[in-house]
N, C-alpha and C. Protein backbone atom coordinates (compact mmCIF):
# COMPACT_ATOMS: atom_id res chain seq x y z
N MET A 1 65.76 -51.07 5.38
CA MET A 1 65.14 -50.12 6.30
C MET A 1 64.42 -49.04 5.51
N ASN A 2 63.23 -48.69 5.96
CA ASN A 2 62.46 -47.62 5.35
C ASN A 2 63.09 -46.27 5.62
N ASN A 3 63.27 -45.47 4.58
CA ASN A 3 63.75 -44.10 4.73
C ASN A 3 62.71 -43.15 4.18
N ALA A 4 62.68 -41.93 4.73
CA ALA A 4 61.84 -40.86 4.19
C ALA A 4 62.71 -39.99 3.29
N ILE A 5 62.14 -39.57 2.16
CA ILE A 5 62.86 -38.74 1.20
C ILE A 5 62.01 -37.51 0.93
N LEU A 6 62.58 -36.33 1.19
CA LEU A 6 61.84 -35.08 1.04
C LEU A 6 62.49 -34.24 -0.05
N LEU A 7 61.71 -33.84 -1.05
CA LEU A 7 62.18 -32.97 -2.13
C LEU A 7 61.53 -31.60 -1.95
N ILE A 8 62.35 -30.55 -1.97
CA ILE A 8 61.86 -29.21 -1.64
C ILE A 8 62.33 -28.20 -2.68
N SER A 9 61.47 -27.25 -3.02
CA SER A 9 61.90 -26.08 -3.79
C SER A 9 61.10 -24.88 -3.30
N CYS A 10 61.75 -23.71 -3.26
CA CYS A 10 61.09 -22.47 -2.83
C CYS A 10 62.05 -21.32 -3.08
N LEU A 11 61.56 -20.09 -2.91
CA LEU A 11 62.45 -18.94 -2.98
C LEU A 11 63.49 -19.04 -1.86
N ASP A 12 64.72 -18.70 -2.17
CA ASP A 12 65.78 -18.83 -1.18
C ASP A 12 65.63 -17.80 -0.07
N LYS A 13 65.70 -18.28 1.17
CA LYS A 13 65.66 -17.41 2.35
C LYS A 13 66.61 -17.98 3.39
N LYS A 14 66.98 -17.16 4.34
CA LYS A 14 67.81 -17.64 5.43
C LYS A 14 67.02 -18.63 6.30
N GLY A 15 67.69 -19.67 6.75
CA GLY A 15 67.10 -20.56 7.73
C GLY A 15 66.39 -21.79 7.20
N ILE A 16 66.33 -21.96 5.87
CA ILE A 16 65.60 -23.12 5.33
C ILE A 16 66.27 -24.42 5.73
N THR A 17 67.58 -24.51 5.48
CA THR A 17 68.31 -25.75 5.81
C THR A 17 68.22 -26.04 7.30
N ALA A 18 68.38 -25.00 8.12
CA ALA A 18 68.31 -25.18 9.58
C ALA A 18 66.93 -25.70 10.00
N ALA A 19 65.87 -25.17 9.39
CA ALA A 19 64.52 -25.58 9.77
C ALA A 19 64.24 -27.02 9.38
N VAL A 20 64.68 -27.42 8.19
CA VAL A 20 64.42 -28.78 7.72
C VAL A 20 65.22 -29.81 8.53
N THR A 21 66.50 -29.53 8.74
CA THR A 21 67.32 -30.47 9.50
C THR A 21 66.88 -30.53 10.97
N ALA A 22 66.42 -29.40 11.50
CA ALA A 22 65.91 -29.39 12.88
C ALA A 22 64.64 -30.24 12.99
N PHE A 23 63.79 -30.18 11.96
CA PHE A 23 62.59 -31.02 11.94
C PHE A 23 62.96 -32.50 12.06
N VAL A 24 63.97 -32.91 11.31
CA VAL A 24 64.41 -34.31 11.35
C VAL A 24 65.04 -34.63 12.70
N PHE A 25 65.94 -33.77 13.16
CA PHE A 25 66.66 -34.03 14.42
C PHE A 25 65.73 -34.05 15.63
N GLU A 26 64.87 -33.08 15.71
CA GLU A 26 63.99 -32.96 16.88
C GLU A 26 62.98 -34.09 16.98
N ASN A 27 62.75 -34.77 15.87
CA ASN A 27 61.85 -35.91 15.89
C ASN A 27 62.57 -37.25 15.90
N GLY A 28 63.88 -37.19 16.20
CA GLY A 28 64.65 -38.41 16.40
C GLY A 28 65.13 -39.08 15.14
N GLY A 29 65.16 -38.35 14.03
CA GLY A 29 65.61 -38.94 12.76
C GLY A 29 67.10 -38.84 12.56
N ASN A 30 67.66 -39.79 11.81
CA ASN A 30 69.08 -39.78 11.46
C ASN A 30 69.21 -39.52 9.96
N ILE A 31 69.83 -38.39 9.59
CA ILE A 31 69.94 -38.01 8.19
C ILE A 31 70.94 -38.92 7.48
N ILE A 32 70.48 -39.54 6.38
CA ILE A 32 71.31 -40.43 5.59
C ILE A 32 72.01 -39.67 4.47
N ASP A 33 71.29 -38.72 3.86
CA ASP A 33 71.83 -37.99 2.73
C ASP A 33 71.13 -36.64 2.64
N ALA A 34 71.89 -35.61 2.29
CA ALA A 34 71.28 -34.28 2.12
C ALA A 34 72.05 -33.51 1.05
N ASN A 35 71.31 -32.96 0.10
CA ASN A 35 71.90 -32.14 -0.95
C ASN A 35 71.05 -30.91 -1.16
N GLN A 36 71.69 -29.78 -1.43
CA GLN A 36 70.95 -28.55 -1.69
C GLN A 36 71.65 -27.74 -2.77
N HIS A 37 70.88 -26.89 -3.42
CA HIS A 37 71.40 -26.08 -4.52
C HIS A 37 70.57 -24.81 -4.62
N ILE A 38 71.22 -23.70 -4.95
CA ILE A 38 70.51 -22.45 -5.16
C ILE A 38 70.71 -22.01 -6.60
N ASP A 39 69.61 -21.81 -7.32
CA ASP A 39 69.65 -21.26 -8.66
C ASP A 39 69.67 -19.75 -8.52
N GLU A 40 70.83 -19.15 -8.74
CA GLU A 40 70.98 -17.71 -8.52
C GLU A 40 70.22 -16.88 -9.54
N GLN A 41 69.93 -17.46 -10.70
CA GLN A 41 69.19 -16.72 -11.73
C GLN A 41 67.75 -16.45 -11.29
N THR A 42 67.17 -17.42 -10.58
CA THR A 42 65.77 -17.28 -10.15
C THR A 42 65.63 -17.18 -8.64
N ASN A 43 66.78 -17.21 -7.93
CA ASN A 43 66.78 -17.18 -6.46
C ASN A 43 65.93 -18.32 -5.88
N THR A 44 66.06 -19.50 -6.50
CA THR A 44 65.29 -20.66 -6.06
C THR A 44 66.17 -21.64 -5.30
N PHE A 45 65.68 -22.09 -4.19
CA PHE A 45 66.38 -23.06 -3.33
C PHE A 45 65.83 -24.46 -3.61
N PHE A 46 66.72 -25.42 -3.81
CA PHE A 46 66.33 -26.81 -4.01
C PHE A 46 67.02 -27.67 -2.95
N MET A 47 66.31 -28.67 -2.45
CA MET A 47 66.89 -29.57 -1.45
C MET A 47 66.33 -30.97 -1.59
N ARG A 48 67.18 -31.95 -1.41
CA ARG A 48 66.77 -33.34 -1.27
C ARG A 48 67.38 -33.85 0.01
N ILE A 49 66.55 -34.34 0.93
CA ILE A 49 67.06 -34.85 2.20
C ILE A 49 66.41 -36.20 2.48
N GLU A 50 67.22 -37.14 2.94
CA GLU A 50 66.75 -38.50 3.22
C GLU A 50 67.16 -38.87 4.64
N TRP A 51 66.21 -39.43 5.39
CA TRP A 51 66.54 -39.84 6.74
C TRP A 51 65.91 -41.18 7.08
N SER A 52 66.51 -41.87 8.03
CA SER A 52 66.01 -43.17 8.47
C SER A 52 64.78 -42.99 9.34
N LEU A 53 63.80 -43.86 9.14
CA LEU A 53 62.58 -43.82 9.95
C LEU A 53 62.71 -44.67 11.21
N ALA A 54 63.86 -45.34 11.36
CA ALA A 54 64.08 -46.15 12.58
C ALA A 54 64.15 -45.20 13.78
N GLY A 55 63.23 -45.33 14.71
CA GLY A 55 63.22 -44.48 15.89
C GLY A 55 62.64 -43.10 15.67
N PHE A 56 62.11 -42.83 14.47
CA PHE A 56 61.53 -41.51 14.21
C PHE A 56 60.21 -41.40 14.98
N LYS A 57 60.04 -40.28 15.68
CA LYS A 57 58.91 -40.13 16.60
C LYS A 57 57.57 -39.96 15.90
N VAL A 58 57.58 -39.42 14.68
CA VAL A 58 56.33 -39.17 13.96
C VAL A 58 55.99 -40.39 13.12
N PRO A 59 54.79 -40.95 13.26
CA PRO A 59 54.39 -42.09 12.43
C PRO A 59 54.46 -41.72 10.95
N GLN A 60 54.79 -42.69 10.12
CA GLN A 60 54.97 -42.43 8.69
C GLN A 60 53.77 -41.71 8.08
N GLY A 61 52.57 -42.11 8.44
CA GLY A 61 51.37 -41.51 7.88
C GLY A 61 51.10 -40.08 8.33
N LYS A 62 51.82 -39.62 9.36
CA LYS A 62 51.59 -38.28 9.92
C LYS A 62 52.71 -37.29 9.58
N ILE A 63 53.77 -37.77 8.93
CA ILE A 63 54.93 -36.90 8.67
C ILE A 63 54.53 -35.69 7.83
N SER A 64 53.73 -35.90 6.80
CA SER A 64 53.31 -34.78 5.94
C SER A 64 52.57 -33.72 6.75
N ASP A 65 51.67 -34.15 7.63
CA ASP A 65 50.89 -33.21 8.43
C ASP A 65 51.79 -32.37 9.34
N VAL A 66 52.79 -33.03 9.94
CA VAL A 66 53.68 -32.32 10.87
C VAL A 66 54.61 -31.39 10.12
N PHE A 67 55.11 -31.83 8.95
CA PHE A 67 56.07 -31.01 8.20
C PHE A 67 55.38 -29.82 7.53
N ARG A 68 54.08 -29.90 7.34
CA ARG A 68 53.36 -28.84 6.61
C ARG A 68 53.56 -27.46 7.24
N THR A 69 53.73 -27.41 8.54
CA THR A 69 53.95 -26.13 9.22
C THR A 69 55.27 -25.51 8.78
N VAL A 70 56.32 -26.33 8.71
CA VAL A 70 57.64 -25.85 8.25
C VAL A 70 57.54 -25.38 6.80
N ALA A 71 56.88 -26.17 5.98
CA ALA A 71 56.76 -25.85 4.56
C ALA A 71 56.03 -24.53 4.35
N LYS A 72 54.97 -24.31 5.12
CA LYS A 72 54.18 -23.09 4.98
C LYS A 72 54.98 -21.86 5.34
N THR A 73 55.86 -21.98 6.35
CA THR A 73 56.69 -20.85 6.78
C THR A 73 57.54 -20.31 5.65
N PHE A 74 58.03 -21.21 4.79
CA PHE A 74 58.94 -20.80 3.71
C PHE A 74 58.28 -20.85 2.33
N GLY A 75 57.00 -21.11 2.26
CA GLY A 75 56.32 -21.17 0.98
C GLY A 75 56.86 -22.26 0.07
N MET A 76 57.10 -23.43 0.63
CA MET A 76 57.75 -24.52 -0.11
C MET A 76 56.79 -25.26 -1.04
N THR A 77 57.33 -25.69 -2.17
CA THR A 77 56.73 -26.77 -2.95
C THR A 77 57.50 -28.02 -2.55
N TRP A 78 56.80 -29.05 -2.10
CA TRP A 78 57.52 -30.20 -1.56
C TRP A 78 56.77 -31.51 -1.82
N HIS A 79 57.56 -32.58 -1.84
CA HIS A 79 57.02 -33.91 -2.07
C HIS A 79 57.73 -34.87 -1.12
N LEU A 80 56.97 -35.74 -0.47
CA LEU A 80 57.51 -36.70 0.47
C LEU A 80 57.34 -38.11 -0.09
N TYR A 81 58.44 -38.88 -0.08
CA TYR A 81 58.41 -40.25 -0.57
C TYR A 81 59.01 -41.16 0.50
N PHE A 82 58.78 -42.45 0.34
CA PHE A 82 59.35 -43.44 1.25
C PHE A 82 60.02 -44.54 0.43
N SER A 83 61.24 -44.88 0.83
CA SER A 83 62.05 -45.80 0.03
C SER A 83 61.44 -47.17 -0.11
N GLY A 84 60.62 -47.59 0.84
CA GLY A 84 60.03 -48.92 0.79
C GLY A 84 58.64 -48.96 0.20
N GLU A 85 58.21 -47.86 -0.44
CA GLU A 85 56.84 -47.79 -0.95
C GLU A 85 56.58 -48.73 -2.11
N ARG A 86 57.61 -49.03 -2.88
CA ARG A 86 57.41 -49.83 -4.08
C ARG A 86 58.46 -50.93 -4.17
N SER A 87 58.04 -52.07 -4.68
CA SER A 87 58.98 -53.18 -4.85
C SER A 87 59.58 -53.17 -6.24
N GLU A 88 58.86 -52.57 -7.22
CA GLU A 88 59.36 -52.53 -8.58
C GLU A 88 60.31 -51.35 -8.77
N LYS A 89 61.30 -51.55 -9.63
CA LYS A 89 62.23 -50.47 -9.95
C LYS A 89 61.58 -49.53 -10.97
N PRO A 90 61.90 -48.22 -10.91
CA PRO A 90 61.34 -47.28 -11.89
C PRO A 90 61.84 -47.60 -13.30
N ARG A 91 60.98 -47.38 -14.27
CA ARG A 91 61.32 -47.65 -15.68
C ARG A 91 61.81 -46.36 -16.32
N VAL A 92 63.01 -46.42 -16.90
CA VAL A 92 63.71 -45.24 -17.40
C VAL A 92 63.97 -45.38 -18.91
N ALA A 93 63.74 -44.29 -19.64
CA ALA A 93 64.13 -44.21 -21.06
C ALA A 93 65.24 -43.19 -21.19
N VAL A 94 66.23 -43.50 -22.02
CA VAL A 94 67.36 -42.59 -22.23
C VAL A 94 67.27 -42.02 -23.65
N PHE A 95 67.31 -40.70 -23.76
CA PHE A 95 67.35 -40.02 -25.05
C PHE A 95 68.79 -39.59 -25.31
N VAL A 96 69.27 -39.79 -26.52
CA VAL A 96 70.66 -39.48 -26.84
C VAL A 96 70.76 -39.07 -28.31
N SER A 97 71.78 -38.28 -28.64
CA SER A 97 72.04 -37.92 -30.03
C SER A 97 73.28 -38.66 -30.52
N GLN A 98 74.27 -37.94 -31.05
CA GLN A 98 75.43 -38.61 -31.64
C GLN A 98 76.56 -38.87 -30.64
N HIS A 99 76.66 -38.06 -29.59
CA HIS A 99 77.73 -38.24 -28.61
C HIS A 99 77.30 -39.30 -27.60
N LEU A 100 78.03 -40.42 -27.57
CA LEU A 100 77.55 -41.60 -26.85
C LEU A 100 78.20 -41.84 -25.50
N HIS A 101 79.18 -41.03 -25.10
CA HIS A 101 79.91 -41.35 -23.87
C HIS A 101 79.01 -41.29 -22.63
N CYS A 102 78.05 -40.37 -22.63
CA CYS A 102 77.15 -40.26 -21.48
C CYS A 102 76.22 -41.47 -21.41
N LEU A 103 75.73 -41.92 -22.57
CA LEU A 103 74.89 -43.11 -22.63
C LEU A 103 75.66 -44.32 -22.12
N TYR A 104 76.90 -44.50 -22.60
CA TYR A 104 77.73 -45.61 -22.14
C TYR A 104 77.92 -45.57 -20.62
N ASP A 105 78.18 -44.39 -20.10
CA ASP A 105 78.41 -44.27 -18.65
C ASP A 105 77.19 -44.71 -17.86
N LEU A 106 76.01 -44.27 -18.29
CA LEU A 106 74.78 -44.64 -17.60
C LEU A 106 74.54 -46.15 -17.67
N LEU A 107 74.71 -46.74 -18.86
CA LEU A 107 74.42 -48.15 -19.02
C LEU A 107 75.43 -49.03 -18.29
N LEU A 108 76.69 -48.60 -18.25
CA LEU A 108 77.69 -49.37 -17.50
C LEU A 108 77.43 -49.30 -16.00
N ARG A 109 77.05 -48.12 -15.51
CA ARG A 109 76.71 -48.00 -14.09
C ARG A 109 75.47 -48.83 -13.75
N HIS A 110 74.52 -48.83 -14.67
CA HIS A 110 73.31 -49.64 -14.46
C HIS A 110 73.66 -51.12 -14.40
N LYS A 111 74.51 -51.55 -15.32
CA LYS A 111 74.92 -52.96 -15.36
C LYS A 111 75.68 -53.35 -14.10
N ALA A 112 76.42 -52.39 -13.53
CA ALA A 112 77.20 -52.65 -12.32
C ALA A 112 76.34 -52.58 -11.05
N GLY A 113 75.06 -52.25 -11.21
CA GLY A 113 74.16 -52.19 -10.05
C GLY A 113 74.15 -50.88 -9.32
N GLN A 114 74.76 -49.84 -9.90
CA GLN A 114 74.83 -48.54 -9.24
C GLN A 114 73.55 -47.72 -9.44
N LEU A 115 72.76 -48.06 -10.45
CA LEU A 115 71.52 -47.32 -10.73
C LEU A 115 70.35 -48.29 -10.58
N PRO A 116 69.61 -48.20 -9.47
CA PRO A 116 68.52 -49.14 -9.21
C PRO A 116 67.26 -48.81 -10.02
N CYS A 117 67.28 -49.16 -11.28
CA CYS A 117 66.15 -48.90 -12.17
C CYS A 117 66.17 -49.92 -13.29
N ASP A 118 65.12 -49.92 -14.12
CA ASP A 118 65.09 -50.69 -15.36
C ASP A 118 65.20 -49.71 -16.52
N ILE A 119 66.00 -50.05 -17.53
CA ILE A 119 66.15 -49.20 -18.71
C ILE A 119 65.73 -50.02 -19.93
N PRO A 120 64.44 -49.99 -20.26
CA PRO A 120 63.95 -50.80 -21.37
C PRO A 120 64.05 -50.14 -22.74
N LEU A 121 64.40 -48.83 -22.79
CA LEU A 121 64.30 -48.11 -24.05
C LEU A 121 65.34 -47.01 -24.19
N VAL A 122 65.96 -46.97 -25.38
CA VAL A 122 66.83 -45.86 -25.77
C VAL A 122 66.23 -45.24 -27.03
N ILE A 123 66.04 -43.93 -27.01
CA ILE A 123 65.50 -43.20 -28.16
C ILE A 123 66.56 -42.22 -28.65
N SER A 124 66.75 -42.17 -29.97
CA SER A 124 67.75 -41.27 -30.53
C SER A 124 67.27 -40.66 -31.83
N ASN A 125 67.80 -39.48 -32.15
CA ASN A 125 67.53 -38.85 -33.43
C ASN A 125 68.65 -39.13 -34.44
N HIS A 126 69.58 -40.00 -34.06
CA HIS A 126 70.68 -40.43 -34.94
C HIS A 126 70.87 -41.94 -34.76
N PRO A 127 71.39 -42.63 -35.78
CA PRO A 127 71.50 -44.10 -35.71
C PRO A 127 72.70 -44.61 -34.89
N GLU A 128 73.62 -43.74 -34.51
CA GLU A 128 74.86 -44.21 -33.88
C GLU A 128 74.63 -45.01 -32.60
N ALA A 129 73.58 -44.73 -31.87
CA ALA A 129 73.37 -45.39 -30.57
C ALA A 129 72.74 -46.78 -30.71
N ARG A 130 72.35 -47.15 -31.90
CA ARG A 130 71.69 -48.45 -32.10
C ARG A 130 72.55 -49.61 -31.60
N SER A 131 73.84 -49.59 -31.97
CA SER A 131 74.73 -50.70 -31.60
C SER A 131 74.96 -50.73 -30.08
N VAL A 132 74.96 -49.57 -29.46
CA VAL A 132 75.15 -49.52 -28.00
C VAL A 132 73.95 -50.15 -27.30
N ALA A 133 72.75 -49.77 -27.72
CA ALA A 133 71.54 -50.35 -27.13
C ALA A 133 71.52 -51.86 -27.33
N LYS A 134 71.88 -52.32 -28.53
CA LYS A 134 71.91 -53.75 -28.83
C LYS A 134 72.90 -54.48 -27.94
N GLU A 135 74.06 -53.85 -27.72
CA GLU A 135 75.10 -54.44 -26.86
C GLU A 135 74.59 -54.69 -25.45
N PHE A 136 73.70 -53.81 -24.96
CA PHE A 136 73.18 -53.94 -23.60
C PHE A 136 71.79 -54.60 -23.56
N GLY A 137 71.32 -55.07 -24.72
CA GLY A 137 70.03 -55.75 -24.76
C GLY A 137 68.83 -54.86 -24.51
N ILE A 138 68.91 -53.61 -25.02
CA ILE A 138 67.85 -52.62 -24.79
C ILE A 138 67.20 -52.27 -26.12
N LYS A 139 65.87 -52.08 -26.11
CA LYS A 139 65.16 -51.66 -27.32
C LYS A 139 65.66 -50.30 -27.77
N PHE A 140 65.78 -50.13 -29.10
CA PHE A 140 66.26 -48.87 -29.66
C PHE A 140 65.23 -48.33 -30.64
N ALA A 141 64.95 -47.03 -30.55
CA ALA A 141 64.04 -46.39 -31.48
C ALA A 141 64.73 -45.20 -32.13
N LEU A 142 64.83 -45.22 -33.45
CA LEU A 142 65.40 -44.11 -34.20
C LEU A 142 64.26 -43.20 -34.64
N ILE A 143 64.26 -41.97 -34.11
CA ILE A 143 63.21 -41.00 -34.45
C ILE A 143 63.89 -39.68 -34.80
N PRO A 144 64.24 -39.48 -36.09
CA PRO A 144 64.90 -38.23 -36.50
C PRO A 144 63.99 -37.03 -36.26
N VAL A 145 64.58 -35.95 -35.79
CA VAL A 145 63.80 -34.75 -35.46
C VAL A 145 64.42 -33.54 -36.15
N ASP A 146 63.57 -32.74 -36.81
CA ASP A 146 64.01 -31.45 -37.33
C ASP A 146 62.90 -30.44 -37.09
N VAL A 147 63.12 -29.22 -37.55
CA VAL A 147 62.15 -28.16 -37.28
C VAL A 147 60.77 -28.48 -37.85
N LYS A 148 60.75 -29.11 -39.01
CA LYS A 148 59.48 -29.36 -39.70
C LYS A 148 58.67 -30.51 -39.09
N ASN A 149 59.36 -31.54 -38.61
CA ASN A 149 58.62 -32.72 -38.14
C ASN A 149 58.61 -32.89 -36.63
N LYS A 150 59.10 -31.88 -35.90
CA LYS A 150 59.27 -31.99 -34.45
C LYS A 150 58.00 -32.43 -33.72
N LYS A 151 56.87 -31.77 -34.04
CA LYS A 151 55.62 -32.07 -33.35
C LYS A 151 55.18 -33.51 -33.61
N GLN A 152 55.27 -33.93 -34.85
CA GLN A 152 54.88 -35.28 -35.23
C GLN A 152 55.78 -36.33 -34.57
N GLN A 153 57.08 -36.06 -34.56
CA GLN A 153 58.04 -37.02 -34.00
C GLN A 153 57.93 -37.11 -32.48
N GLU A 154 57.62 -35.99 -31.83
CA GLU A 154 57.42 -36.04 -30.38
C GLU A 154 56.20 -36.88 -30.03
N LYS A 155 55.18 -36.87 -30.88
CA LYS A 155 54.02 -37.73 -30.64
C LYS A 155 54.43 -39.20 -30.67
N LYS A 156 55.33 -39.55 -31.61
CA LYS A 156 55.83 -40.93 -31.68
C LYS A 156 56.60 -41.28 -30.41
N GLN A 157 57.44 -40.33 -29.97
CA GLN A 157 58.23 -40.56 -28.75
C GLN A 157 57.32 -40.78 -27.54
N ILE A 158 56.31 -39.92 -27.41
CA ILE A 158 55.38 -40.02 -26.28
C ILE A 158 54.65 -41.36 -26.33
N GLY A 159 54.25 -41.77 -27.53
CA GLY A 159 53.58 -43.05 -27.68
C GLY A 159 54.44 -44.21 -27.21
N LEU A 160 55.72 -44.19 -27.56
CA LEU A 160 56.64 -45.24 -27.13
C LEU A 160 56.83 -45.23 -25.61
N LEU A 161 56.96 -44.03 -25.05
CA LEU A 161 57.14 -43.91 -23.60
C LEU A 161 55.93 -44.47 -22.84
N LEU A 162 54.75 -44.17 -23.34
CA LEU A 162 53.54 -44.68 -22.69
C LEU A 162 53.43 -46.20 -22.87
N LYS A 163 53.77 -46.69 -24.05
CA LYS A 163 53.71 -48.13 -24.31
C LYS A 163 54.66 -48.90 -23.39
N GLU A 164 55.83 -48.34 -23.14
CA GLU A 164 56.84 -48.99 -22.29
C GLU A 164 56.66 -48.64 -20.81
N ARG A 165 55.60 -47.90 -20.48
CA ARG A 165 55.31 -47.51 -19.10
C ARG A 165 56.50 -46.80 -18.45
N ILE A 166 57.08 -45.87 -19.19
CA ILE A 166 58.26 -45.13 -18.72
C ILE A 166 57.86 -44.12 -17.65
N GLU A 167 58.61 -44.11 -16.55
CA GLU A 167 58.34 -43.19 -15.44
C GLU A 167 59.35 -42.05 -15.35
N LEU A 168 60.51 -42.22 -16.00
CA LEU A 168 61.55 -41.20 -15.94
C LEU A 168 62.26 -41.13 -17.28
N VAL A 169 62.42 -39.91 -17.81
CA VAL A 169 63.14 -39.68 -19.06
C VAL A 169 64.47 -39.01 -18.73
N VAL A 170 65.57 -39.60 -19.22
CA VAL A 170 66.89 -39.03 -19.00
C VAL A 170 67.47 -38.59 -20.34
N LEU A 171 67.79 -37.31 -20.45
CA LEU A 171 68.40 -36.76 -21.66
C LEU A 171 69.92 -36.82 -21.50
N ALA A 172 70.54 -37.78 -22.18
CA ALA A 172 71.98 -38.01 -22.05
C ALA A 172 72.68 -37.45 -23.28
N ARG A 173 72.84 -36.13 -23.30
CA ARG A 173 73.37 -35.40 -24.44
C ARG A 173 72.45 -35.57 -25.65
N TYR A 174 71.18 -35.28 -25.42
CA TYR A 174 70.19 -35.29 -26.48
C TYR A 174 70.07 -33.86 -27.00
N HIS A 175 70.53 -33.63 -28.22
CA HIS A 175 70.68 -32.26 -28.72
C HIS A 175 69.40 -31.73 -29.35
N GLN A 176 68.32 -31.83 -28.59
CA GLN A 176 67.05 -31.25 -29.01
C GLN A 176 66.42 -30.58 -27.79
N ILE A 177 65.68 -29.50 -28.05
CA ILE A 177 64.92 -28.85 -26.98
C ILE A 177 63.51 -29.42 -27.00
N LEU A 178 63.10 -30.04 -25.92
CA LEU A 178 61.76 -30.61 -25.85
C LEU A 178 60.71 -29.51 -25.83
N SER A 179 59.59 -29.77 -26.49
CA SER A 179 58.52 -28.78 -26.53
C SER A 179 57.81 -28.72 -25.17
N ALA A 180 57.08 -27.64 -24.96
CA ALA A 180 56.33 -27.48 -23.72
C ALA A 180 55.28 -28.59 -23.58
N ASP A 181 54.71 -29.02 -24.71
CA ASP A 181 53.71 -30.09 -24.68
C ASP A 181 54.33 -31.39 -24.20
N PHE A 182 55.53 -31.71 -24.70
CA PHE A 182 56.21 -32.94 -24.27
C PHE A 182 56.49 -32.90 -22.76
N VAL A 183 57.03 -31.78 -22.32
CA VAL A 183 57.39 -31.65 -20.90
C VAL A 183 56.16 -31.76 -20.01
N SER A 184 55.05 -31.18 -20.45
CA SER A 184 53.83 -31.21 -19.65
C SER A 184 53.28 -32.63 -19.50
N ARG A 185 53.60 -33.52 -20.44
CA ARG A 185 53.14 -34.90 -20.36
C ARG A 185 53.90 -35.69 -19.30
N PHE A 186 55.10 -35.21 -18.93
CA PHE A 186 55.94 -35.92 -17.95
C PHE A 186 56.45 -34.93 -16.89
N PRO A 187 55.54 -34.35 -16.10
CA PRO A 187 55.95 -33.33 -15.12
C PRO A 187 56.85 -33.91 -14.04
N LYS A 188 57.98 -33.25 -13.80
CA LYS A 188 58.95 -33.68 -12.79
C LYS A 188 59.45 -35.10 -13.04
N GLN A 189 59.47 -35.51 -14.31
CA GLN A 189 59.92 -36.86 -14.66
C GLN A 189 61.00 -36.82 -15.73
N ILE A 190 61.67 -35.67 -15.89
CA ILE A 190 62.70 -35.52 -16.92
C ILE A 190 63.97 -34.96 -16.29
N ILE A 191 65.08 -35.62 -16.56
CA ILE A 191 66.39 -35.13 -16.09
C ILE A 191 67.25 -34.84 -17.31
N ASN A 192 67.82 -33.64 -17.36
CA ASN A 192 68.72 -33.28 -18.45
C ASN A 192 70.16 -33.27 -17.92
N ILE A 193 70.99 -34.12 -18.49
CA ILE A 193 72.41 -34.15 -18.10
C ILE A 193 73.15 -33.17 -19.01
N HIS A 194 73.67 -32.11 -18.42
CA HIS A 194 74.33 -31.05 -19.19
C HIS A 194 75.78 -30.95 -18.73
N HIS A 195 76.71 -31.15 -19.67
CA HIS A 195 78.12 -31.28 -19.30
C HIS A 195 78.89 -29.96 -19.31
N SER A 196 78.22 -28.89 -18.97
CA SER A 196 78.92 -27.61 -18.81
C SER A 196 78.06 -26.70 -17.95
N PHE A 197 78.66 -25.65 -17.45
CA PHE A 197 77.95 -24.74 -16.55
C PHE A 197 76.83 -23.99 -17.30
N LEU A 198 75.71 -23.86 -16.63
CA LEU A 198 74.59 -23.07 -17.14
C LEU A 198 74.41 -21.84 -16.25
N PRO A 199 74.01 -20.70 -16.77
CA PRO A 199 73.62 -20.47 -18.18
C PRO A 199 74.77 -20.06 -19.10
N ALA A 200 76.01 -20.14 -18.64
CA ALA A 200 77.13 -19.63 -19.43
C ALA A 200 77.31 -20.38 -20.75
N PHE A 201 77.12 -21.71 -20.73
CA PHE A 201 77.39 -22.52 -21.93
C PHE A 201 76.13 -23.28 -22.32
N VAL A 202 75.19 -22.56 -22.90
CA VAL A 202 73.88 -23.15 -23.18
C VAL A 202 73.82 -23.85 -24.53
N GLY A 203 74.83 -23.65 -25.37
CA GLY A 203 74.78 -24.23 -26.72
C GLY A 203 74.21 -23.25 -27.71
N LYS A 204 74.33 -23.62 -28.98
CA LYS A 204 73.97 -22.69 -30.06
C LYS A 204 72.48 -22.37 -30.10
N SER A 205 71.64 -23.28 -29.58
CA SER A 205 70.20 -23.06 -29.65
C SER A 205 69.62 -22.56 -28.34
């Protein structure tokens, strides 16, 4: 079944959740999943909501036009997707350093069918992950990074990502800070898995 998926971010205000869920309810939609988070440091509201299009009163091609009024009221940055838009799974690259438990967890969940994606590439700045990638039949690239060669090595990483047609980069305990240039090449396509509360435990760098 086709579902609509709405991603939202804006300054936090009263009534955002009520307005979005009312939009779905009043148009006959059934909410499948909804998650929200407030970044208190920047007072930013984030939401992901998914609903079934079965019986939804607004035609799929008109949903953006109708929702635009709600979005304008709260000054939202938003993106609308549909679960049936693509038949191919997204291509994901995992970046990792020496601590491998997060990489193992992702690859085991992927093998079990819990992560609907393709993972053709693992990139690391240390050799320890090579055997893990080999165990799961995934290409491995060792690209050591330090202060002096960071710019050059990020160019190599970007080249590999483009060659493998990577659509999503997952940092699974990758102990490097990506440059602004790297991030700009993959806007809204990078997820950082951080195993402690932020900003309290940001690490030494």
